[in-house]
Amino acid sequence: MSISHIVDNVIKPELENVFGPALAARIIISARAKANAPIIGMTKDDLERIFEAISMDDRVQGMWGNAGAVERMKRWKSALKTVEVS
């Protein structure tokens, strides 16, 4: 599994199911900016910071609460362990 696969097939669909495509995209873009992560050449560390930023987003906290946001972040970080580094 690659970093882009995790974003496109794990995080994005989960956010889209709850927030819709447009708001999910804004949440991801905002989290990427807060995490100071590049668009191209993202590392596992960058993605972990994005997970943390998503889980702290006010919209996410409002919908899932702190416990729900933290639980999803833990699942996403677990999926990140399957990423092969080339």
Protein backbone atom coordinates (compact mmCIF):
# COMPACT_ATOMS: atom_id res chain seq x y z
CA MET A 1 0.00 0.00 0.00
CA SER A 2 1.27 3.48 -0.85
CA ILE A 3 0.76 6.85 0.82
CA SER A 4 -1.49 8.02 -2.01
CA HIS A 5 -3.54 4.81 -1.69
CA ILE A 6 -4.14 5.51 2.00
CA VAL A 7 -5.23 9.07 1.28
CA ASP A 8 -7.43 8.16 -1.71
CA ASN A 9 -8.91 4.89 -0.44
CA VAL A 10 -8.94 5.14 3.34
CA ILE A 11 -9.08 8.73 4.58
CA LYS A 12 -10.83 10.54 1.75
CA PRO A 13 -13.80 8.12 1.43
CA GLU A 14 -14.33 8.10 5.19
CA LEU A 15 -14.42 11.89 5.31
CA GLU A 16 -16.58 12.09 2.17
CA ASN A 17 -19.16 9.70 3.65
CA VAL A 18 -19.67 12.05 6.58
CA PHE A 19 -18.90 15.52 5.23
CA GLY A 20 -19.48 15.18 1.49
CA PRO A 21 -16.81 15.50 -1.21
CA ALA A 22 -16.34 19.28 -1.12
CA LEU A 23 -15.99 19.65 2.64
CA ALA A 24 -13.84 16.50 2.88
CA ALA A 25 -11.46 18.00 0.33
CA ARG A 26 -11.32 21.26 2.28
CA ILE A 27 -10.58 19.38 5.51
CA ILE A 28 -7.74 17.45 3.85
CA ILE A 29 -6.29 20.58 2.20
CA SER A 30 -6.49 22.51 5.46
CA ALA A 31 -4.84 19.66 7.37
CA ARG A 32 -2.05 19.41 4.79
CA ALA A 33 -1.37 23.13 5.15
CA LYS A 34 -1.43 22.97 8.97
CA ALA A 35 0.93 20.00 8.86
CA ASN A 36 3.21 21.87 6.45
CA ALA A 37 3.25 18.74 4.26
CA PRO A 38 4.19 18.85 0.59
CA ILE A 39 1.71 17.92 -2.11
CA ILE A 40 4.33 15.86 -3.95
CA GLY A 41 6.86 13.64 -2.22
CA MET A 42 4.91 13.18 1.01
CA THR A 43 6.56 11.00 3.65
CA LYS A 44 5.04 8.85 6.38
CA ASP A 45 5.87 11.59 8.90
CA ASP A 46 4.05 14.16 6.75
CA LEU A 47 1.00 11.93 6.59
CA GLU A 48 1.03 11.34 10.35
CA ARG A 49 1.00 15.11 10.88
CA ILE A 50 -1.93 15.36 8.45
CA PHE A 51 -3.82 12.68 10.42
CA GLU A 52 -3.25 14.66 13.60
CA ALA A 53 -4.40 17.90 11.95
CA ILE A 54 -7.55 16.21 10.61
CA SER A 55 -8.38 14.79 14.03
CA MET A 56 -8.02 18.25 15.61
CA ASP A 57 -10.08 20.03 12.93
CA ASP A 58 -13.11 21.75 14.51
CA ARG A 59 -15.48 20.25 11.92
CA VAL A 60 -14.19 16.74 12.60
CA GLN A 61 -14.31 17.26 16.35
CA GLY A 62 -17.85 18.59 16.05
CA MET A 63 -19.03 15.55 14.08
CA TRP A 64 -17.07 12.70 15.70
CA GLY A 65 -16.07 14.20 19.04
CA ASN A 66 -12.56 13.89 20.40
CA ALA A 67 -12.79 10.15 21.06
CA GLY A 68 -14.11 9.40 17.57
CA ALA A 69 -11.49 11.59 15.89
CA VAL A 70 -8.68 9.99 17.90
CA GLU A 71 -9.99 6.49 17.11
CA ARG A 72 -9.97 7.22 13.37
CA MET A 73 -6.49 8.76 13.59
CA LYS A 74 -5.25 5.56 15.28
CA ARG A 75 -6.79 3.45 12.49
CA TRP A 76 -5.22 5.63 9.82
CA LYS A 77 -1.83 5.45 11.53
CA SER A 78 -2.20 1.67 11.67
CA ALA A 79 -2.86 1.62 7.90
CA LEU A 80 0.25 3.75 7.44
CA LYS A 81 2.36 0.92 8.86
CA THR A 82 1.59 -1.05 5.68
CA VAL A 83 3.24 1.59 3.46
CA GLU A 84 6.33 0.35 1.70
CA VAL A 85 9.18 2.84 1.62
CA SER A 86 11.14 2.78 -1.61
